[in-house]
PDB file of all heavy atoms in Angstrom:
ATOM      1  N   GLU A   1     110.589 125.926 123.514  1.00  0.00           N
ATOM      2  CA  GLU A   1     110.036 126.105 122.141  1.00  0.00           C
ATOM      3  C   GLU A   1     109.595 127.533 122.052  1.00  0.00           C
ATOM      4  O   GLU A   1     109.177 128.152 123.070  1.00  0.00           O
ATOM      5  CB  GLU A   1     108.718 125.303 122.018  1.00  0.00           C
ATOM      6  CG  GLU A   1     108.939 123.815 122.128  1.00  0.00           C
ATOM      7  CD  GLU A   1     109.537 123.313 120.695  1.00  0.00           C
ATOM      8  OE1 GLU A   1     109.527 124.125 119.744  1.00  0.00           O
ATOM      9  OE2 GLU A   1     110.053 122.172 120.749  1.00  0.00           O
ATOM     10  N   PRO A   2     109.701 128.184 120.749  1.00  0.00           N
ATOM     11  CA  PRO A   2     109.262 129.642 120.624  1.00  0.00           C
ATOM     12  C   PRO A   2     107.767 129.704 121.013  1.00  0.00           C
ATOM     13  O   PRO A   2     107.033 128.887 120.449  1.00  0.00           O
ATOM     14  CB  PRO A   2     109.634 129.902 119.258  1.00  0.00           C
ATOM     15  CG  PRO A   2     109.708 128.661 118.584  1.00  0.00           C
ATOM     16  CD  PRO A   2     110.283 127.629 119.630  1.00  0.00           C
ATOM     17  N   LEU A   3     107.441 130.818 121.563  1.00  0.00           N
ATOM     18  CA  LEU A   3     106.121 130.962 121.904  1.00  0.00           C
ATOM     19  C   LEU A   3     105.400 131.721 120.676  1.00  0.00           C
ATOM     20  O   LEU A   3     105.960 132.780 120.018  1.00  0.00           O
ATOM     21  CB  LEU A   3     105.845 131.965 123.137  1.00  0.00           C
ATOM     22  CG  LEU A   3     106.379 131.453 124.431  1.00  0.00           C
ATOM     23  CD1 LEU A   3     106.228 132.442 125.482  1.00  0.00           C
ATOM     24  CD2 LEU A   3     105.786 130.205 124.804  1.00  0.00           C
ATOM     25  N   SER A   4     104.153 131.094 120.403  1.00  0.00           N
ATOM     26  CA  SER A   4     103.342 131.967 119.420  1.00  0.00           C
ATOM     27  C   SER A   4     102.730 133.114 120.072  1.00  0.00           C
ATOM     28  O   SER A   4     102.625 133.246 121.326  1.00  0.00           O
ATOM     29  CB  SER A   4     102.277 130.996 118.901  1.00  0.00           C
ATOM     30  OG  SER A   4     102.817 129.804 118.329  1.00  0.00           O
ATOM     31  N   GLU A   5     102.244 134.030 119.274  1.00  0.00           N
ATOM     32  CA  GLU A   5     101.648 135.267 119.908  1.00  0.00           C
ATOM     33  C   GLU A   5     100.346 134.898 120.519  1.00  0.00           C
ATOM     34  O   GLU A   5      99.470 134.083 120.014  1.00  0.00           O
ATOM     35  CB  GLU A   5     101.345 136.356 118.874  1.00  0.00           C
ATOM     36  CG  GLU A   5     100.720 137.635 119.257  1.00  0.00           C
ATOM     37  CD  GLU A   5     100.510 138.679 118.312  1.00  0.00           C
ATOM     38  OE1 GLU A   5     101.024 138.469 117.214  1.00  0.00           O
ATOM     39  OE2 GLU A   5      99.934 139.687 118.562  1.00  0.00           O
ATOM     40  N   ARG A   6     100.234 135.286 121.803  1.00  0.00           N
ATOM     41  CA  ARG A   6      99.007 134.951 122.728  1.00  0.00           C
ATOM     42  C   ARG A   6      97.803 135.579 122.082  1.00  0.00           C
ATOM     43  O   ARG A   6      97.695 136.770 121.698  1.00  0.00           O
ATOM     44  CB  ARG A   6      99.274 135.393 124.048  1.00  0.00           C
ATOM     45  CG  ARG A   6      98.155 135.142 125.065  1.00  0.00           C
ATOM     46  CD  ARG A   6      98.687 135.361 126.485  1.00  0.00           C
ATOM     47  NE  ARG A   6      97.447 135.110 127.371  1.00  0.00           N
ATOM     48  CZ  ARG A   6      97.589 135.203 128.685  1.00  0.00           C
ATOM     49  NH1 ARG A   6      98.761 135.332 129.187  1.00  0.00           N
ATOM     50  NH2 ARG A   6      96.650 135.065 129.431  1.00  0.00           N
ATOM     51  N   GLN A   7      96.658 134.686 122.086  1.00  0.00           N
ATOM     52  CA  GLN A   7      95.356 135.309 121.626  1.00  0.00           C
ATOM     53  C   GLN A   7      94.486 135.138 122.825  1.00  0.00           C
ATOM     54  O   GLN A   7      94.534 134.219 123.679  1.00  0.00           O
ATOM     55  CB  GLN A   7      94.823 134.358 120.558  1.00  0.00           C
ATOM     56  CG  GLN A   7      95.754 134.399 119.329  1.00  0.00           C
ATOM     57  CD  GLN A   7      95.169 133.657 118.135  1.00  0.00           C
ATOM     58  OE1 GLN A   7      94.195 132.886 118.301  1.00  0.00           O
ATOM     59  NE2 GLN A   7      95.765 133.654 116.947  1.00  0.00           N
ATOM     60  N   GLU A   8      93.532 136.145 122.917  1.00  0.00           N
ATOM     61  CA  GLU A   8      92.617 136.165 124.001  1.00  0.00           C
ATOM     62  C   GLU A   8      91.413 135.256 123.614  1.00  0.00           C
ATOM     63  O   GLU A   8      90.814 135.212 122.509  1.00  0.00           O
ATOM     64  CB  GLU A   8      91.993 137.653 124.110  1.00  0.00           C
ATOM     65  CG  GLU A   8      93.105 138.627 124.588  1.00  0.00           C
ATOM     66  CD  GLU A   8      93.660 138.223 125.979  1.00  0.00           C
ATOM     67  OE1 GLU A   8      92.955 137.636 126.816  1.00  0.00           O
ATOM     68  OE2 GLU A   8      94.851 138.358 126.255  1.00  0.00           O
ATOM     69  N   ASP A   9      91.099 134.435 124.485  1.00  0.00           N
ATOM     70  CA  ASP A   9      89.820 133.515 124.416  1.00  0.00           C
ATOM     71  C   ASP A   9      89.360 133.233 125.793  1.00  0.00           C
ATOM     72  O   ASP A   9      89.756 133.788 126.807  1.00  0.00           O
ATOM     73  CB  ASP A   9      90.226 132.308 123.590  1.00  0.00           C
ATOM     74  CG  ASP A   9      91.331 131.560 124.024  1.00  0.00           C
ATOM     75  OD1 ASP A   9      91.528 131.475 125.268  1.00  0.00           O
ATOM     76  OD2 ASP A   9      92.108 131.026 123.293  1.00  0.00           O
ATOM     77  N   ASP A  10      88.354 132.244 125.892  1.00  0.00           N
ATOM     78  CA  ASP A  10      87.835 132.018 127.023  1.00  0.00           C
ATOM     79  C   ASP A  10      88.340 130.667 127.770  1.00  0.00           C
ATOM     80  O   ASP A  10      87.831 130.153 128.736  1.00  0.00           O
ATOM     81  CB  ASP A  10      86.204 131.712 126.849  1.00  0.00           C
ATOM     82  CG  ASP A  10      85.633 133.027 126.434  1.00  0.00           C
ATOM     83  OD1 ASP A  10      86.139 134.112 126.811  1.00  0.00           O
ATOM     84  OD2 ASP A  10      84.616 132.942 125.753  1.00  0.00           O
ATOM     85  N   MET A  11      89.529 130.232 127.156  1.00  0.00           N
ATOM     86  CA  MET A  11      90.072 128.931 127.805  1.00  0.00           C
ATOM     87  C   MET A  11      90.475 129.333 129.148  1.00  0.00           C
ATOM     88  O   MET A  11      91.242 130.253 129.454  1.00  0.00           O
ATOM     89  CB  MET A  11      91.135 128.475 126.921  1.00  0.00           C
ATOM     90  CG  MET A  11      90.769 128.074 125.529  1.00  0.00           C
ATOM     91  SD  MET A  11      92.213 127.509 124.629  1.00  0.00           S
ATOM     92  CE  MET A  11      91.445 127.376 122.948  1.00  0.00           C
ATOM     93  N   PRO A  12      90.305 128.395 130.248  1.00  0.00           N
ATOM     94  CA  PRO A  12      90.839 128.614 131.496  1.00  0.00           C
ATOM     95  C   PRO A  12      92.391 128.628 131.608  1.00  0.00           C
ATOM     96  O   PRO A  12      92.831 129.466 132.363  1.00  0.00           O
ATOM     97  CB  PRO A  12      90.147 127.454 132.343  1.00  0.00           C
ATOM     98  CG  PRO A  12      89.918 126.317 131.255  1.00  0.00           C
ATOM     99  CD  PRO A  12      89.553 127.056 130.071  1.00  0.00           C
ATOM    100  N   HIS A  13      93.037 127.662 130.876  1.00  0.00           N
ATOM    101  CA  HIS A  13      94.484 127.642 130.836  1.00  0.00           C
ATOM    102  C   HIS A  13      94.765 127.294 129.369  1.00  0.00           C
ATOM    103  O   HIS A  13      94.374 126.360 128.879  1.00  0.00           O
ATOM    104  CB  HIS A  13      95.034 126.631 131.814  1.00  0.00           C
ATOM    105  CG  HIS A  13      94.837 127.034 133.309  1.00  0.00           C
ATOM    106  ND1 HIS A  13      95.241 128.201 133.806  1.00  0.00           N
ATOM    107  CD2 HIS A  13      94.179 126.351 134.109  1.00  0.00           C
ATOM    108  CE1 HIS A  13      94.887 128.274 135.058  1.00  0.00           C
ATOM    109  NE2 HIS A  13      94.277 127.073 135.295  1.00  0.00           N
ATOM    110  N   ARG A  14      95.687 128.075 128.748  1.00  0.00           N
ATOM    111  CA  ARG A  14      96.104 127.855 127.499  1.00  0.00           C
ATOM    112  C   ARG A  14      97.373 126.973 127.471  1.00  0.00           C
ATOM    113  O   ARG A  14      98.180 126.968 128.479  1.00  0.00           O
ATOM    114  CB  ARG A  14      96.349 129.115 126.691  1.00  0.00           C
ATOM    115  CG  ARG A  14      95.022 129.811 126.240  1.00  0.00           C
ATOM    116  CD  ARG A  14      95.260 131.114 125.492  1.00  0.00           C
ATOM    117  NE  ARG A  14      95.726 132.075 126.530  1.00  0.00           N
ATOM    118  CZ  ARG A  14      94.770 132.832 127.184  1.00  0.00           C
ATOM    119  NH1 ARG A  14      93.615 132.654 127.039  1.00  0.00           N
ATOM    120  NH2 ARG A  14      95.177 133.619 128.137  1.00  0.00           N
ATOM    121  N   CYS A  15      97.657 126.404 126.420  1.00  0.00           N
ATOM    122  CA  CYS A  15      98.883 125.593 126.291  1.00  0.00           C
ATOM    123  C   CYS A  15     100.090 126.545 126.419  1.00  0.00           C
ATOM    124  O   CYS A  15     100.255 127.649 125.896  1.00  0.00           O
ATOM    125  CB  CYS A  15      98.975 124.936 124.785  1.00  0.00           C
ATOM    126  SG  CYS A  15     100.581 124.324 124.406  1.00  0.00           S
ATOM    127  N   PRO A  16     101.154 126.175 127.301  1.00  0.00           N
ATOM    128  CA  PRO A  16     102.142 127.069 127.526  1.00  0.00           C
ATOM    129  C   PRO A  16     103.198 127.281 126.313  1.00  0.00           C
ATOM    130  O   PRO A  16     104.009 128.072 126.389  1.00  0.00           O
ATOM    131  CB  PRO A  16     102.927 126.298 128.714  1.00  0.00           C
ATOM    132  CG  PRO A  16     102.509 124.938 128.611  1.00  0.00           C
ATOM    133  CD  PRO A  16     101.107 124.948 128.055  1.00  0.00           C
ATOM    134  N   THR A  17     103.036 126.398 125.349  1.00  0.00           N
ATOM    135  CA  THR A  17     103.785 126.531 124.244  1.00  0.00           C
ATOM    136  C   THR A  17     103.241 127.402 123.114  1.00  0.00           C
ATOM    137  O   THR A  17     103.857 128.379 122.684  1.00  0.00           O
ATOM    138  CB  THR A  17     104.217 125.152 123.535  1.00  0.00           C
ATOM    139  OG1 THR A  17     104.865 124.332 124.442  1.00  0.00           O
ATOM    140  CG2 THR A  17     105.074 125.211 122.375  1.00  0.00           C
ATOM    141  N   CYS A  18     102.050 126.973 122.571  1.00  0.00           N
ATOM    142  CA  CYS A  18     101.457 127.901 121.484  1.00  0.00           C
ATOM    143  C   CYS A  18     100.647 129.015 122.082  1.00  0.00           C
ATOM    144  O   CYS A  18     100.353 129.919 121.337  1.00  0.00           O
ATOM    145  CB  CYS A  18     100.673 126.938 120.659  1.00  0.00           C
ATOM    146  SG  CYS A  18      99.147 126.308 121.335  1.00  0.00           S
ATOM    147  N   GLN A  19     100.253 128.880 123.301  1.00  0.00           N
ATOM    148  CA  GLN A  19      99.409 130.036 123.894  1.00  0.00           C
ATOM    149  C   GLN A  19      98.122 130.226 123.131  1.00  0.00           C
ATOM    150  O   GLN A  19      97.436 131.394 123.341  1.00  0.00           O
ATOM    151  CB  GLN A  19     100.196 131.324 123.919  1.00  0.00           C
ATOM    152  CG  GLN A  19     101.422 131.259 124.897  1.00  0.00           C
ATOM    153  CD  GLN A  19     100.966 131.394 126.306  1.00  0.00           C
ATOM    154  OE1 GLN A  19     100.235 132.186 126.763  1.00  0.00           O
ATOM    155  NE2 GLN A  19     101.568 130.384 127.106  1.00  0.00           N
ATOM    156  N   GLU A  20      97.623 129.219 122.449  1.00  0.00           N
ATOM    157  CA  GLU A  20      96.408 129.349 121.691  1.00  0.00           C
ATOM    158  C   GLU A  20      95.322 128.295 121.976  1.00  0.00           C
ATOM    159  O   GLU A  20      94.217 128.647 122.316  1.00  0.00           O
ATOM    160  CB  GLU A  20      96.653 129.201 120.149  1.00  0.00           C
ATOM    161  CG  GLU A  20      97.584 130.435 119.582  1.00  0.00           C
ATOM    162  CD  GLU A  20      98.080 130.146 118.148  1.00  0.00           C
ATOM    163  OE1 GLU A  20      97.840 129.070 117.697  1.00  0.00           O
ATOM    164  OE2 GLU A  20      98.708 131.100 117.607  1.00  0.00           O
ATOM    165  N   ARG A  21      95.747 127.000 121.955  1.00  0.00           N
ATOM    166  CA  ARG A  21      94.864 125.946 122.242  1.00  0.00           C
ATOM    167  C   ARG A  21      94.782 125.582 123.656  1.00  0.00           C
ATOM    168  O   ARG A  21      95.674 126.003 124.474  1.00  0.00           O
ATOM    169  CB  ARG A  21      95.294 124.725 121.475  1.00  0.00           C
ATOM    170  CG  ARG A  21      95.061 124.784 119.943  1.00  0.00           C
ATOM    171  CD  ARG A  21      95.568 123.524 119.173  1.00  0.00           C
ATOM    172  NE  ARG A  21      97.139 123.518 119.344  1.00  0.00           N
ATOM    173  CZ  ARG A  21      97.847 123.944 118.407  1.00  0.00           C
ATOM    174  NH1 ARG A  21      97.413 124.598 117.331  1.00  0.00           N
ATOM    175  NH2 ARG A  21      99.192 123.725 118.480  1.00  0.00           N
ATOM    176  N   GLU A  22      93.709 125.005 124.069  1.00  0.00           N
ATOM    177  CA  GLU A  22      93.458 124.721 125.544  1.00  0.00           C
ATOM    178  C   GLU A  22      94.613 123.602 126.004  1.00  0.00           C
ATOM    179  O   GLU A  22      94.894 122.688 125.235  1.00  0.00           O
ATOM    180  CB  GLU A  22      92.049 124.095 125.735  1.00  0.00           C
ATOM    181  CG  GLU A  22      91.700 123.736 127.209  1.00  0.00           C
ATOM    182  CD  GLU A  22      90.296 123.441 127.294  1.00  0.00           C
ATOM    183  OE1 GLU A  22      89.560 123.379 126.251  1.00  0.00           O
ATOM    184  OE2 GLU A  22      89.823 123.159 128.435  1.00  0.00           O
ATOM    185  N   LEU A  23      95.036 123.842 127.215  1.00  0.00           N
ATOM    186  CA  LEU A  23      95.858 122.867 127.936  1.00  0.00           C
ATOM    187  C   LEU A  23      95.054 121.661 128.228  1.00  0.00           C
ATOM    188  O   LEU A  23      94.224 121.737 129.109  1.00  0.00           O
ATOM    189  CB  LEU A  23      96.525 123.481 129.076  1.00  0.00           C
ATOM    190  CG  LEU A  23      97.588 122.865 129.794  1.00  0.00           C
ATOM    191  CD1 LEU A  23      98.321 123.899 130.654  1.00  0.00           C
ATOM    192  CD2 LEU A  23      97.220 121.665 130.607  1.00  0.00           C
ATOM    193  N   ASP A  24      95.370 120.476 127.575  1.00  0.00           N
ATOM    194  CA  ASP A  24      94.400 119.386 127.773  1.00  0.00           C
ATOM    195  C   ASP A  24      95.117 117.990 127.987  1.00  0.00           C
ATOM    196  O   ASP A  24      94.520 116.977 128.205  1.00  0.00           O
ATOM    197  CB  ASP A  24      93.447 119.217 126.660  1.00  0.00           C
ATOM    198  CG  ASP A  24      94.014 118.915 125.285  1.00  0.00           C
ATOM    199  OD1 ASP A  24      95.321 118.866 125.223  1.00  0.00           O
ATOM    200  OD2 ASP A  24      93.388 118.652 124.340  1.00  0.00           O
ATOM    201  N   THR A  25      96.534 118.023 128.002  1.00  0.00           N
ATOM    202  CA  THR A  25      97.201 116.638 128.196  1.00  0.00           C
ATOM    203  C   THR A  25      98.610 116.874 128.761  1.00  0.00           C
ATOM    204  O   THR A  25      99.167 118.045 128.718  1.00  0.00           O
ATOM    205  CB  THR A  25      97.186 115.910 126.867  1.00  0.00           C
ATOM    206  OG1 THR A  25      97.558 114.547 127.088  1.00  0.00           O
ATOM    207  CG2 THR A  25      98.271 116.443 125.869  1.00  0.00           C
ATOM    208  N   LEU A  26      99.179 115.818 129.188  1.00  0.00           N
ATOM    209  CA  LEU A  26     100.614 115.795 129.625  1.00  0.00           C
ATOM    210  C   LEU A  26     101.074 114.385 129.301  1.00  0.00           C
ATOM    211  O   LEU A  26     100.376 113.465 129.100  1.00  0.00           O
ATOM    212  CB  LEU A  26     100.659 116.143 131.142  1.00  0.00           C
ATOM    213  CG  LEU A  26      99.880 115.500 132.143  1.00  0.00           C
ATOM    214  CD1 LEU A  26     100.374 114.225 132.461  1.00  0.00           C
ATOM    215  CD2 LEU A  26      99.878 116.377 133.410  1.00  0.00           C
ATOM    216  N   ALA A  27     102.467 114.387 129.334  1.00  0.00           N
ATOM    217  CA  ALA A  27     103.109 113.061 128.997  1.00  0.00           C
ATOM    218  C   ALA A  27     104.513 113.014 129.618  1.00  0.00           C
ATOM    219  O   ALA A  27     105.030 114.070 129.817  1.00  0.00           O
ATOM    220  CB  ALA A  27     103.199 112.731 127.473  1.00  0.00           C
ATOM    221  N   THR A  28     104.826 111.729 130.067  1.00  0.00           N
ATOM    222  CA  THR A  28     106.178 111.591 130.591  1.00  0.00           C
ATOM    223  C   THR A  28     106.946 110.689 129.610  1.00  0.00           C
ATOM    224  O   THR A  28     106.360 109.671 129.341  1.00  0.00           O
ATOM    225  CB  THR A  28     106.253 111.101 132.019  1.00  0.00           C
ATOM    226  OG1 THR A  28     105.437 111.901 132.787  1.00  0.00           O
ATOM    227  CG2 THR A  28     107.557 110.779 132.605  1.00  0.00           C
TER     228      THR A  28
END
């Protein structure tokens, strides 16, 4: 997936796709 422009914030780990929202889930 194309990456969105990364934004600086205080999240410990951001979503590897959008680089904006917090990484909070996974699925198989």
